[in-house]
Amino acid sequence: MPDGEPPRLPPPWLSVSTLAAARAARRPPDPFTRVDTSKAVHDAILAHHPALPFTLIGEAAAFVLGME
């Protein structure tokens, strides 16, 4: 049995394209941008799911930001 916690699964409603966009927003390509990483991830998720409640956006952002 491997040590540590089991890997977290993404929320079931989170699409692959949303996950990819949020992961891309996690690492801005320009090192001189002053965009907060958390806000960039939230904005990427919101762009794909504009009617999503903020609690679910927060859940998805926490998942993406917690990934390595």
PDB file of N, CA and C in Angstrom:
ATOM      1  N   MET A   1       0.835  -1.178   0.000  1.00  0.00           N
ATOM      2  CA  MET A   1       0.000   0.000   0.000  1.00  0.00           C
ATOM      3  C   MET A   1       0.881   1.243   0.000  1.00  0.00           C
ATOM      4  N   PRO A   2       0.608   2.209  -0.865  1.00  0.00           N
ATOM      5  CA  PRO A   2       1.426   3.420  -0.876  1.00  0.00           C
ATOM      6  C   PRO A   2       1.140   4.285   0.346  1.00  0.00           C
ATOM      7  N   ASP A   3       2.149   5.015   0.752  1.00  0.00           N
ATOM      8  CA  ASP A   3       1.986   5.921   1.887  1.00  0.00           C
ATOM      9  C   ASP A   3       1.312   7.206   1.434  1.00  0.00           C
ATOM     10  N   GLY A   4       0.759   7.927   2.384  1.00  0.00           N
ATOM     11  CA  GLY A   4       0.152   9.223   2.092  1.00  0.00           C
ATOM     12  C   GLY A   4      -1.317   9.115   1.750  1.00  0.00           C
ATOM     13  N   GLU A   5      -1.866  10.271   1.448  1.00  0.00           N
ATOM     14  CA  GLU A   5      -3.286  10.349   1.118  1.00  0.00           C
ATOM     15  C   GLU A   5      -3.537   9.842  -0.302  1.00  0.00           C
ATOM     16  N   PRO A   6      -4.715   9.282  -0.543  1.00  0.00           N
ATOM     17  CA  PRO A   6      -5.051   8.907  -1.921  1.00  0.00           C
ATOM     18  C   PRO A   6      -5.235  10.174  -2.756  1.00  0.00           C
ATOM     19  N   PRO A   7      -5.021  10.097  -4.057  1.00  0.00           N
ATOM     20  CA  PRO A   7      -5.175  11.296  -4.892  1.00  0.00           C
ATOM     21  C   PRO A   7      -6.617  11.793  -4.882  1.00  0.00           C
ATOM     22  N   ARG A   8      -6.763  13.110  -4.873  1.00  0.00           N
ATOM     23  CA  ARG A   8      -8.099  13.707  -4.897  1.00  0.00           C
ATOM     24  C   ARG A   8      -8.660  13.618  -6.304  1.00  0.00           C
ATOM     25  N   LEU A   9      -9.917  13.310  -6.391  1.00  0.00           N
ATOM     26  CA  LEU A   9     -10.599  13.258  -7.686  1.00  0.00           C
ATOM     27  C   LEU A   9     -11.231  14.614  -7.963  1.00  0.00           C
ATOM     28  N   PRO A  10     -11.265  15.020  -9.222  1.00  0.00           N
ATOM     29  CA  PRO A  10     -11.907  16.305  -9.536  1.00  0.00           C
ATOM     30  C   PRO A  10     -13.410  16.215  -9.294  1.00  0.00           C
ATOM     31  N   PRO A  11     -14.049  17.357  -9.059  1.00  0.00           N
ATOM     32  CA  PRO A  11     -15.506  17.344  -8.930  1.00  0.00           C
ATOM     33  C   PRO A  11     -16.121  16.716 -10.180  1.00  0.00           C
ATOM     34  N   PRO A  12     -17.175  15.922 -10.038  1.00  0.00           N
ATOM     35  CA  PRO A  12     -17.734  15.191 -11.184  1.00  0.00           C
ATOM     36  C   PRO A  12     -18.292  16.093 -12.284  1.00  0.00           C
ATOM     37  N   TRP A  13     -18.678  17.301 -11.972  1.00  0.00           N
ATOM     38  CA  TRP A  13     -19.246  18.204 -12.966  1.00  0.00           C
ATOM     39  C   TRP A  13     -18.176  18.991 -13.714  1.00  0.00           C
ATOM     40  N   LEU A  14     -16.928  18.902 -13.280  1.00  0.00           N
ATOM     41  CA  LEU A  14     -15.844  19.687 -13.881  1.00  0.00           C
ATOM     42  C   LEU A  14     -15.408  19.039 -15.190  1.00  0.00           C
ATOM     43  N   SER A  15     -15.599  19.753 -16.294  1.00  0.00           N
ATOM     44  CA  SER A  15     -15.258  19.192 -17.603  1.00  0.00           C
ATOM     45  C   SER A  15     -13.747  19.207 -17.813  1.00  0.00           C
ATOM     46  N   VAL A  16     -13.311  18.408 -18.754  1.00  0.00           N
ATOM     47  CA  VAL A  16     -11.885  18.316 -19.073  1.00  0.00           C
ATOM     48  C   VAL A  16     -11.374  19.655 -19.599  1.00  0.00           C
ATOM     49  N   SER A  17     -12.178  20.324 -20.417  1.00  0.00           N
ATOM     50  CA  SER A  17     -11.741  21.611 -20.969  1.00  0.00           C
ATOM     51  C   SER A  17     -11.639  22.678 -19.880  1.00  0.00           C
ATOM     52  N   THR A  18     -12.559  22.658 -18.923  1.00  0.00           N
ATOM     53  CA  THR A  18     -12.484  23.603 -17.813  1.00  0.00           C
ATOM     54  C   THR A  18     -11.260  23.331 -16.961  1.00  0.00           C
ATOM     55  N   LEU A  19     -11.002  22.064 -16.702  1.00  0.00           N
ATOM     56  CA  LEU A  19      -9.833  21.689 -15.910  1.00  0.00           C
ATOM     57  C   LEU A  19      -8.548  22.124 -16.611  1.00  0.00           C
ATOM     58  N   ALA A  20      -8.480  21.937 -17.913  1.00  0.00           N
ATOM     59  CA  ALA A  20      -7.291  22.346 -18.670  1.00  0.00           C
ATOM     60  C   ALA A  20      -7.110  23.862 -18.632  1.00  0.00           C
ATOM     61  N   ALA A  21      -8.193  24.608 -18.779  1.00  0.00           N
ATOM     62  CA  ALA A  21      -8.102  26.071 -18.745  1.00  0.00           C
ATOM     63  C   ALA A  21      -7.689  26.561 -17.361  1.00  0.00           C
ATOM     64  N   ALA A  22      -8.225  25.938 -16.328  1.00  0.00           N
ATOM     65  CA  ALA A  22      -7.876  26.337 -14.965  1.00  0.00           C
ATOM     66  C   ALA A  22      -6.423  25.996 -14.651  1.00  0.00           C
ATOM     67  N   ARG A  23      -5.955  24.849 -15.134  1.00  0.00           N
ATOM     68  CA  ARG A  23      -4.549  24.489 -14.919  1.00  0.00           C
ATOM     69  C   ARG A  23      -3.631  25.461 -15.651  1.00  0.00           C
ATOM     70  N   ALA A  24      -4.019  25.879 -16.851  1.00  0.00           N
ATOM     71  CA  ALA A  24      -3.214  26.843 -17.602  1.00  0.00           C
ATOM     72  C   ALA A  24      -3.197  28.198 -16.899  1.00  0.00           C
ATOM     73  N   ALA A  25      -4.303  28.568 -16.278  1.00  0.00           N
ATOM     74  CA  ALA A  25      -4.375  29.845 -15.567  1.00  0.00           C
ATOM     75  C   ALA A  25      -3.562  29.815 -14.280  1.00  0.00           C
ATOM     76  N   ARG A  26      -3.307  28.618 -13.795  1.00  0.00           N
ATOM     77  CA  ARG A  26      -2.542  28.494 -12.552  1.00  0.00           C
ATOM     78  C   ARG A  26      -1.119  28.997 -12.732  1.00  0.00           C
ATOM     79  N   ARG A  27      -0.583  28.851 -13.926  1.00  0.00           N
ATOM     80  CA  ARG A  27       0.787  29.285 -14.210  1.00  0.00           C
ATOM     81  C   ARG A  27       0.751  30.319 -15.333  1.00  0.00           C
ATOM     82  N   PRO A  28       0.666  31.601 -14.992  1.00  0.00           N
ATOM     83  CA  PRO A  28       0.642  32.616 -16.052  1.00  0.00           C
ATOM     84  C   PRO A  28       1.924  32.561 -16.884  1.00  0.00           C
ATOM     85  N   PRO A  29       1.820  32.697 -18.207  1.00  0.00           N
ATOM     86  CA  PRO A  29       3.005  32.603 -19.053  1.00  0.00           C
ATOM     87  C   PRO A  29       3.961  33.777 -18.890  1.00  0.00           C
ATOM     88  N   ASP A  30       3.459  34.940 -18.507  1.00  0.00           N
ATOM     89  CA  ASP A  30       4.301  36.124 -18.361  1.00  0.00           C
ATOM     90  C   ASP A  30       4.714  36.280 -16.899  1.00  0.00           C
ATOM     91  N   PRO A  31       6.017  36.211 -16.606  1.00  0.00           N
ATOM     92  CA  PRO A  31       6.445  36.308 -15.206  1.00  0.00           C
ATOM     93  C   PRO A  31       6.235  37.694 -14.608  1.00  0.00           C
ATOM     94  N   PHE A  32       5.945  38.691 -15.426  1.00  0.00           N
ATOM     95  CA  PHE A  32       5.793  40.048 -14.914  1.00  0.00           C
ATOM     96  C   PHE A  32       4.338  40.442 -14.674  1.00  0.00           C
ATOM     97  N   THR A  33       3.413  39.512 -14.901  1.00  0.00           N
ATOM     98  CA  THR A  33       2.008  39.836 -14.640  1.00  0.00           C
ATOM     99  C   THR A  33       1.783  39.902 -13.140  1.00  0.00           C
ATOM    100  N   ARG A  34       0.860  40.719 -12.765  1.00  0.00           N
ATOM    101  CA  ARG A  34       0.551  40.854 -11.345  1.00  0.00           C
ATOM    102  C   ARG A  34      -0.809  40.229 -11.032  1.00  0.00           C
ATOM    103  N   VAL A  35      -1.211  39.277 -11.828  1.00  0.00           N
ATOM    104  CA  VAL A  35      -2.489  38.600 -11.631  1.00  0.00           C
ATOM    105  C   VAL A  35      -2.326  37.558 -10.535  1.00  0.00           C
ATOM    106  N   ASP A  36      -3.209  37.600  -9.560  1.00  0.00           N
ATOM    107  CA  ASP A  36      -3.200  36.604  -8.499  1.00  0.00           C
ATOM    108  C   ASP A  36      -3.564  35.254  -9.108  1.00  0.00           C
ATOM    109  N   THR A  37      -2.793  34.225  -8.786  1.00  0.00           N
ATOM    110  CA  THR A  37      -3.027  32.896  -9.354  1.00  0.00           C
ATOM    111  C   THR A  37      -4.420  32.390  -9.016  1.00  0.00           C
ATOM    112  N   SER A  38      -4.850  32.581  -7.781  1.00  0.00           N
ATOM    113  CA  SER A  38      -6.171  32.116  -7.368  1.00  0.00           C
ATOM    114  C   SER A  38      -7.268  32.808  -8.178  1.00  0.00           C
ATOM    115  N   LYS A  39      -7.143  34.104  -8.376  1.00  0.00           N
ATOM    116  CA  LYS A  39      -8.146  34.835  -9.157  1.00  0.00           C
ATOM    117  C   LYS A  39      -8.134  34.379 -10.611  1.00  0.00           C
ATOM    118  N   ALA A  40      -6.968  34.117 -11.157  1.00  0.00           N
ATOM    119  CA  ALA A  40      -6.878  33.652 -12.543  1.00  0.00           C
ATOM    120  C   ALA A  40      -7.578  32.305 -12.712  1.00  0.00           C
ATOM    121  N   VAL A  41      -7.410  31.409 -11.743  1.00  0.00           N
ATOM    122  CA  VAL A  41      -8.075  30.101 -11.797  1.00  0.00           C
ATOM    123  C   VAL A  41      -9.583  30.278 -11.667  1.00  0.00           C
ATOM    124  N   HIS A  42     -10.023  31.123 -10.724  1.00  0.00           N
ATOM    125  CA  HIS A  42     -11.456  31.389 -10.567  1.00  0.00           C
ATOM    126  C   HIS A  42     -12.046  31.934 -11.872  1.00  0.00           C
ATOM    127  N   ASP A  43     -11.347  32.884 -12.489  1.00  0.00           N
ATOM    128  CA  ASP A  43     -11.839  33.486 -13.734  1.00  0.00           C
ATOM    129  C   ASP A  43     -11.918  32.465 -14.865  1.00  0.00           C
ATOM    130  N   ALA A  44     -10.947  31.565 -14.942  1.00  0.00           N
ATOM    131  CA  ALA A  44     -10.960  30.537 -15.992  1.00  0.00           C
ATOM    132  C   ALA A  44     -12.146  29.592 -15.812  1.00  0.00           C
ATOM    133  N   ILE A  45     -12.427  29.216 -14.583  1.00  0.00           N
ATOM    134  CA  ILE A  45     -13.568  28.326 -14.315  1.00  0.00           C
ATOM    135  C   ILE A  45     -14.874  29.061 -14.596  1.00  0.00           C
ATOM    136  N   LEU A  46     -14.952  30.311 -14.172  1.00  0.00           N
ATOM    137  CA  LEU A  46     -16.158  31.107 -14.394  1.00  0.00           C
ATOM    138  C   LEU A  46     -16.417  31.332 -15.883  1.00  0.00           C
ATOM    139  N   ALA A  47     -15.366  31.439 -16.678  1.00  0.00           N
ATOM    140  CA  ALA A  47     -15.534  31.619 -18.124  1.00  0.00           C
ATOM    141  C   ALA A  47     -16.171  30.391 -18.769  1.00  0.00           C
ATOM    142  N   HIS A  48     -15.890  29.212 -18.243  1.00  0.00           N
ATOM    143  CA  HIS A  48     -16.462  27.986 -18.799  1.00  0.00           C
ATOM    144  C   HIS A  48     -17.840  27.669 -18.217  1.00  0.00           C
ATOM    145  N   HIS A  49     -18.076  28.094 -16.992  1.00  0.00           N
ATOM    146  CA  HIS A  49     -19.351  27.818 -16.316  1.00  0.00           C
ATOM    147  C   HIS A  49     -19.887  29.117 -15.714  1.00  0.00           C
ATOM    148  N   PRO A  50     -20.438  30.025 -16.535  1.00  0.00           N
ATOM    149  CA  PRO A  50     -20.851  31.338 -16.016  1.00  0.00           C
ATOM    150  C   PRO A  50     -22.005  31.300 -15.015  1.00  0.00           C
ATOM    151  N   ALA A  51     -22.809  30.254 -15.027  1.00  0.00           N
ATOM    152  CA  ALA A  51     -23.946  30.189 -14.110  1.00  0.00           C
ATOM    153  C   ALA A  51     -23.652  29.362 -12.861  1.00  0.00           C
ATOM    154  N   LEU A  52     -22.416  28.991 -12.674  1.00  0.00           N
ATOM    155  CA  LEU A  52     -22.039  28.141 -11.547  1.00  0.00           C
ATOM    156  C   LEU A  52     -22.034  28.942 -10.247  1.00  0.00           C
ATOM    157  N   PRO A  53     -22.600  28.398  -9.165  1.00  0.00           N
ATOM    158  CA  PRO A  53     -22.541  29.097  -7.876  1.00  0.00           C
ATOM    159  C   PRO A  53     -21.090  29.253  -7.403  1.00  0.00           C
ATOM    160  N   PHE A  54     -20.847  30.321  -6.660  1.00  0.00           N
ATOM    161  CA  PHE A  54     -19.482  30.604  -6.219  1.00  0.00           C
ATOM    162  C   PHE A  54     -18.915  29.518  -5.311  1.00  0.00           C
ATOM    163  N   THR A  55     -19.768  28.793  -4.595  1.00  0.00           N
ATOM    164  CA  THR A  55     -19.252  27.714  -3.747  1.00  0.00           C
ATOM    165  C   THR A  55     -18.651  26.600  -4.595  1.00  0.00           C
ATOM    166  N   LEU A  56     -19.284  26.292  -5.730  1.00  0.00           N
ATOM    167  CA  LEU A  56     -18.737  25.260  -6.610  1.00  0.00           C
ATOM    168  C   LEU A  56     -17.493  25.756  -7.341  1.00  0.00           C
ATOM    169  N   ILE A  57     -17.461  27.038  -7.676  1.00  0.00           N
ATOM    170  CA  ILE A  57     -16.258  27.603  -8.285  1.00  0.00           C
ATOM    171  C   ILE A  57     -15.110  27.519  -7.291  1.00  0.00           C
ATOM    172  N   GLY A  58     -15.391  27.824  -6.037  1.00  0.00           N
ATOM    173  CA  GLY A  58     -14.364  27.723  -4.998  1.00  0.00           C
ATOM    174  C   GLY A  58     -13.876  26.302  -4.819  1.00  0.00           C
ATOM    175  N   GLU A  59     -14.798  25.338  -4.894  1.00  0.00           N
ATOM    176  CA  GLU A  59     -14.421  23.925  -4.781  1.00  0.00           C
ATOM    177  C   GLU A  59     -13.505  23.514  -5.930  1.00  0.00           C
ATOM    178  N   ALA A  60     -13.859  23.917  -7.137  1.00  0.00           N
ATOM    179  CA  ALA A  60     -13.039  23.570  -8.298  1.00  0.00           C
ATOM    180  C   ALA A  60     -11.686  24.271  -8.244  1.00  0.00           C
ATOM    181  N   ALA A  61     -11.674  25.534  -7.834  1.00  0.00           N
ATOM    182  CA  ALA A  61     -10.412  26.271  -7.737  1.00  0.00           C
ATOM    183  C   ALA A  61      -9.510  25.653  -6.678  1.00  0.00           C
ATOM    184  N   ALA A  62     -10.081  25.240  -5.562  1.00  0.00           N
ATOM    185  CA  ALA A  62      -9.281  24.595  -4.519  1.00  0.00           C
ATOM    186  C   ALA A  62      -8.680  23.295  -5.032  1.00  0.00           C
ATOM    187  N   PHE A  63      -9.441  22.558  -5.833  1.00  0.00           N
ATOM    188  CA  PHE A  63      -8.916  21.321  -6.410  1.00  0.00           C
ATOM    189  C   PHE A  63      -7.749  21.625  -7.339  1.00  0.00           C
ATOM    190  N   VAL A  64      -7.922  22.597  -8.222  1.00  0.00           N
ATOM    191  CA  VAL A  64      -6.873  22.930  -9.194  1.00  0.00           C
ATOM    192  C   VAL A  64      -5.639  23.483  -8.492  1.00  0.00           C
ATOM    193  N   LEU A  65      -5.828  24.364  -7.529  1.00  0.00           N
ATOM    194  CA  LEU A  65      -4.689  24.950  -6.827  1.00  0.00           C
ATOM    195  C   LEU A  65      -3.995  23.938  -5.926  1.00  0.00           C
ATOM    196  N   GLY A  66      -4.717  22.906  -5.503  1.00  0.00           N
ATOM    197  CA  GLY A  66      -4.122  21.869  -4.659  1.00  0.00           C
ATOM    198  C   GLY A  66      -3.367  20.812  -5.443  1.00  0.00           C
ATOM    199  N   MET A  67      -3.549  20.804  -6.770  1.00  0.00           N
ATOM    200  CA  MET A  67      -2.848  19.828  -7.610  1.00  0.00           C
ATOM    201  C   MET A  67      -1.398  20.246  -7.775  1.00  0.00           C
ATOM    202  N   GLU A  68      -0.558  19.276  -8.014  1.00  0.00           N
ATOM    203  CA  GLU A  68       0.848  19.597  -8.279  1.00  0.00           C
ATOM    204  C   GLU A  68       1.208  19.197  -9.672  1.00  0.00           C
TER     205      GLU A  68
END
